[in-house]
Protein backbone atom coordinates (compact mmCIF):
# COMPACT_ATOMS: atom_id res chain seq x y z
CA MET A 1 0.02 -0.07 -0.11
CA ASP A 2 1.28 3.89 -1.03
CA ALA A 3 1.91 5.66 2.22
CA LEU A 4 0.11 8.68 0.11
CA ARG A 5 -2.37 8.46 -2.81
CA VAL A 6 -2.97 12.05 -4.46
CA ASN A 7 -6.16 11.96 -7.03
CA ASP A 8 -7.57 14.45 -9.20
CA VAL A 9 -7.53 16.47 -6.40
CA CYS A 10 -8.81 20.20 -6.98
CA LYS A 11 -8.42 23.48 -4.46
CA SER A 12 -10.51 26.68 -5.39
CA TYR A 13 -10.55 29.89 -3.58
CA GLY A 14 -13.62 31.66 -4.86
CA GLY A 15 -13.15 31.85 -8.53
CA VAL A 16 -9.37 31.08 -8.35
CA GLU A 17 -8.40 27.41 -9.06
CA ALA A 18 -4.88 26.68 -6.83
CA VAL A 19 -4.58 23.59 -7.35
CA LYS A 20 -6.24 21.37 -10.82
CA GLY A 21 -6.77 17.66 -10.86
CA ILE A 22 -3.33 16.70 -9.30
CA ASN A 23 -2.56 13.17 -9.33
CA PHE A 24 0.87 11.12 -7.63
CA SER A 25 1.26 8.54 -5.08
CA VAL A 26 4.29 7.91 -2.73
CA LYS A 27 5.52 4.64 -1.68
CA LYS A 28 6.25 3.56 1.56
CA GLY A 29 9.51 4.35 2.43
CA GLU A 30 10.97 6.68 0.25
CA ILE A 31 11.48 10.44 -0.12
CA PHE A 32 9.17 11.78 -2.80
CA GLY A 33 9.92 15.75 -3.69
CA LEU A 34 7.52 18.06 -5.22
CA ILE A 35 9.16 20.92 -6.61
CA GLY A 36 7.52 24.03 -8.37
CA PRO A 37 7.95 27.62 -9.06
CA ASN A 38 6.17 30.51 -6.29
CA GLY A 39 2.63 30.33 -6.55
CA ALA A 40 2.75 27.09 -8.26
CA GLY A 41 0.22 25.07 -5.42
CA LYS A 42 3.01 23.00 -3.77
CA THR A 43 2.29 24.68 -0.25
CA THR A 44 -1.51 23.88 -0.79
CA ALA A 45 -0.74 20.41 -2.20
CA LEU A 46 0.91 19.43 1.27
CA ARG A 47 -1.74 21.87 3.45
CA MET A 48 -4.45 19.81 2.17
CA ILE A 49 -2.44 16.31 2.54
CA SER A 50 -2.01 17.60 6.34
CA THR A 51 -5.85 18.55 6.37
CA LEU A 52 -5.52 21.73 7.60
CA ILE A 53 -7.33 22.83 4.45
CA THR A 54 -10.13 21.23 2.93
CA ILE A 55 -10.00 19.46 -0.42
CA THR A 56 -12.62 21.18 -3.18
CA SER A 57 -13.06 17.79 -4.93
CA GLY A 58 -11.19 14.84 -5.27
CA SER A 59 -9.30 12.32 -2.69
CA ILE A 60 -6.76 12.05 -0.84
CA THR A 61 -5.44 8.89 1.35
CA VAL A 62 -2.81 8.89 3.97
CA CYS A 63 -1.83 5.46 5.34
CA GLY A 64 -4.77 4.51 4.06
CA HIS A 65 -6.94 6.69 5.75
CA ASP A 66 -8.93 9.09 3.83
CA VAL A 67 -8.36 12.76 4.53
CA ALA A 68 -11.59 13.84 3.98
CA SER A 69 -13.61 11.87 6.39
CA GLU A 70 -10.86 10.12 8.66
CA GLY A 71 -8.77 13.51 9.56
CA ASP A 72 -8.35 12.42 13.12
CA LYS A 73 -6.86 8.91 11.91
CA VAL A 74 -4.43 11.03 9.56
CA ARG A 75 -3.00 13.41 11.66
CA LYS A 76 -2.13 10.41 13.72
CA CYS A 77 0.61 9.14 11.38
CA ILE A 78 1.99 12.40 10.07
CA SER A 79 4.17 14.86 10.96
CA TYR A 80 3.86 18.33 9.00
CA LEU A 81 7.07 20.94 9.45
CA PRO A 82 6.06 24.17 7.61
CA GLU A 83 8.75 26.49 6.67
CA ASP A 84 7.88 29.31 8.64
CA ALA A 85 7.63 26.61 12.05
CA GLY A 86 8.80 28.18 14.88
CA ALA A 87 9.48 27.17 18.71
CA TYR A 88 8.77 29.09 22.07
CA LYS A 89 11.67 31.29 22.35
CA GLU A 90 11.66 31.30 26.36
CA MET A 91 11.59 27.53 26.78
CA THR A 92 14.87 25.62 26.46
CA GLY A 93 15.24 22.64 23.87
CA ARG A 94 15.00 19.96 26.50
CA ARG A 95 11.88 21.74 27.74
CA TYR A 96 10.19 22.61 24.24
CA LEU A 97 10.15 18.59 23.27
CA GLN A 98 8.96 18.04 26.69
CA PHE A 99 5.74 20.42 26.51
CA ILE A 100 5.44 18.78 23.14
CA SER A 101 5.33 14.84 24.13
CA GLY A 102 2.69 15.67 26.16
CA PHE A 103 0.47 16.16 23.19
CA PHE A 104 1.14 12.51 21.48
CA SER A 105 2.08 10.44 25.02
CA GLU A 106 1.55 9.95 28.58
CA GLY A 107 3.08 8.37 31.89
CA GLY A 108 6.53 6.33 30.80
CA LYS A 109 6.46 6.71 27.14
CA LYS A 110 6.18 10.79 27.42
CA GLY A 111 9.66 10.21 28.76
CA GLN A 112 10.65 7.79 25.76
CA MET A 113 9.64 10.29 23.16
CA LEU A 114 11.39 13.09 25.30
CA GLU A 115 14.82 11.23 24.85
CA GLU A 116 14.10 10.12 20.99
CA GLY A 117 13.65 14.10 20.47
CA ILE A 118 16.67 14.71 22.20
CA LYS A 119 18.59 12.55 20.58
CA ILE A 120 17.41 13.47 16.78
CA ALA A 121 18.13 16.76 17.93
CA ASN A 122 21.52 16.36 19.19
CA LEU A 123 22.44 19.24 20.33
CA GLY A 124 24.29 18.84 23.05
CA ASP A 125 24.76 20.68 25.90
CA ARG A 126 22.52 23.36 23.68
CA ILE A 127 19.32 21.21 24.66
CA ASP A 128 19.26 22.62 27.91
CA SER A 129 19.56 26.53 26.36
CA LYS A 130 16.55 28.51 25.97
CA VAL A 131 15.24 28.40 21.56
CA GLY A 132 15.62 32.13 21.32
CA THR A 133 19.23 32.14 21.59
CA TYR A 134 19.82 29.46 19.02
CA SER A 135 21.12 29.81 15.98
CA LYS A 136 19.07 28.74 12.41
CA GLY A 137 20.69 25.43 12.34
CA MET A 138 20.15 24.51 15.90
CA MET A 139 16.14 26.03 15.21
CA ARG A 140 15.40 23.53 12.47
CA ARG A 141 17.36 20.28 14.06
CA LEU A 142 14.88 21.11 17.45
CA LEU A 143 12.01 21.29 14.77
CA ILE A 144 12.63 18.45 12.52
CA ALA A 145 13.06 16.48 16.37
CA ARG A 146 9.57 18.11 17.37
CA ALA A 147 8.17 16.04 14.31
CA MET A 148 9.88 13.41 13.94
CA MET A 149 9.48 12.21 17.74
CA THR A 150 6.28 11.26 17.00
CA ARG A 151 7.38 8.61 14.97
CA PRO A 152 5.14 9.23 11.99
CA GLU A 153 4.21 6.69 9.12
CA LEU A 154 4.66 10.19 6.46
CA ALA A 155 7.23 13.41 7.59
CA ILE A 156 5.80 16.54 5.44
CA MET A 157 8.85 19.20 5.12
CA ASP A 158 8.39 21.97 3.16
CA GLU A 159 11.39 24.18 2.55
CA VAL A 160 13.27 22.34 5.59
CA THR A 161 16.84 23.78 4.69
CA SER A 162 15.84 27.21 4.00
CA GLY A 163 18.23 30.02 4.83
CA LEU A 164 20.65 27.64 6.12
CA ASP A 165 24.31 27.83 5.17
CA VAL A 166 25.69 25.13 3.58
CA ILE A 167 27.33 23.16 6.46
CA ASN A 168 24.09 23.21 8.66
CA ALA A 169 22.12 22.56 5.38
CA HIS A 170 24.29 19.31 4.84
CA ASP A 171 23.55 18.48 8.36
CA ILE A 172 20.08 18.69 7.63
CA ARG A 173 20.36 16.09 4.57
CA GLY A 174 21.67 14.03 6.41
CA LEU A 175 19.36 13.83 9.34
CA ILE A 176 16.43 13.88 6.67
CA ARG A 177 18.41 10.45 4.57
CA GLU A 178 18.70 8.75 8.43
CA ILE A 179 15.11 9.31 8.66
CA ALA A 180 14.12 7.92 5.70
CA ASP A 181 16.58 5.20 6.43
CA SER A 182 14.33 4.26 9.07
CA GLY A 183 11.37 3.47 7.60
CA VAL A 184 9.83 7.19 7.71
CA THR A 185 8.26 7.94 4.43
CA VAL A 186 9.24 11.30 3.40
CA LEU A 187 7.17 14.34 1.41
CA LEU A 188 9.87 17.32 0.78
CA SER A 189 9.05 20.46 -0.74
CA SER A 190 12.00 22.52 -2.13
CA HIS A 191 13.18 25.29 -3.89
CA ASN A 192 17.04 23.91 -4.21
CA MET A 193 17.17 21.59 -6.88
CA HIS A 194 20.48 19.80 -5.78
CA GLU A 195 19.14 19.20 -2.01
CA VAL A 196 16.29 17.46 -4.48
CA GLU A 197 18.55 15.25 -6.96
CA TYR A 198 20.61 14.45 -3.82
CA LEU A 199 17.40 13.46 -1.29
CA CYS A 200 14.98 11.77 -3.74
CA ASP A 201 13.54 8.38 -5.18
CA ARG A 202 11.31 10.38 -7.16
CA VAL A 203 9.88 14.34 -8.07
CA ALA A 204 6.92 15.59 -9.45
CA MET A 205 6.56 19.42 -10.42
CA ILE A 206 3.77 21.27 -10.06
CA ASN A 207 3.58 24.18 -12.17
CA LYS A 208 0.12 26.31 -12.41
CA GLY A 209 -1.77 24.28 -9.85
CA ARG A 210 -1.05 20.69 -12.40
CA ILE A 211 1.54 18.75 -12.28
CA ILE A 212 3.93 18.45 -15.26
CA MET A 213 6.13 15.92 -14.95
CA GLN A 214 7.55 13.10 -12.36
CA GLY A 215 9.49 10.35 -12.26
CA THR A 216 13.25 9.65 -10.40
CA PRO A 217 16.06 12.69 -11.15
CA ALA A 218 17.59 9.97 -13.65
CA GLU A 219 14.45 10.10 -15.37
CA LEU A 220 13.63 13.46 -15.77
CA LEU A 221 18.05 14.50 -16.66
CA GLU A 222 17.25 11.88 -19.27
CA LYS A 223 13.66 12.95 -20.81
CA TYR A 224 14.68 16.54 -20.51
CA ASP A 225 18.13 16.39 -22.05
CA ALA A 226 19.22 17.72 -19.16
CA LEU A 227 22.91 17.98 -17.07
CA ASN A 228 20.79 18.53 -13.58
CA LEU A 229 17.80 18.54 -12.10
CA GLU A 230 18.03 22.53 -12.09
CA GLU A 231 18.22 22.25 -15.87
CA VAL A 232 15.04 20.12 -16.05
CA PHE A 233 12.82 22.75 -13.34
CA VAL A 234 13.69 25.92 -15.66
CA LYS A 235 12.20 23.72 -18.83
CA GLY A 236 9.41 22.43 -17.49
CA VAL A 237 8.59 25.59 -16.53
CA LYS A 238 9.23 27.47 -19.26
CA SER A 239 7.43 24.44 -21.16
CA VAL A 240 4.08 25.43 -19.90
CA GLU A 241 4.43 29.63 -20.05
């Protein structure tokens, strides 16, 4: 069974169609990249999958559960890390993860979840510093730990390395690979095509609300006679202008 199936999904805001009948699926255990230019419908698609906004038409199934009719079950098997996610700056990293774990576990399991989060964050002694003193890279590690310590079946990440320097971005990509290797399915959106090419098993590109291409990075490079996925991206955007 696929971890995610998106079938002929549309989303309209009044008379504006943000998403126009998209179709794609994500296999269990793979890293799937959803790419596209600004305003293409990526974030709208991720929010529908995450149950944050309703679908106008079509269907989305996550881990065998229908997003529209089984939202509670979907939310129990996913984590969603948006680009603009933040944490309580006056809390320490440890206290923040402890606070979050209280929503997803109780008793002894709460302590186990907290320890898992601390391990994923890998912040050393800084786990006991206030979040407001963290660098962007440290903050991103903490937020990934928050999303992953619940052990989701599907992790949805939007621009997870946005604004990070080369070293921190490299470390975060390594962490995402570790997460996928542990059995978690990852749906990743990024404007960094080198990152997508490096991490993703398969890729779908959305432009003007429609999926215009999908396949493995190698398949797309061959199809578009491109040296890298950035070239594929540019050719794909220009093909529908």
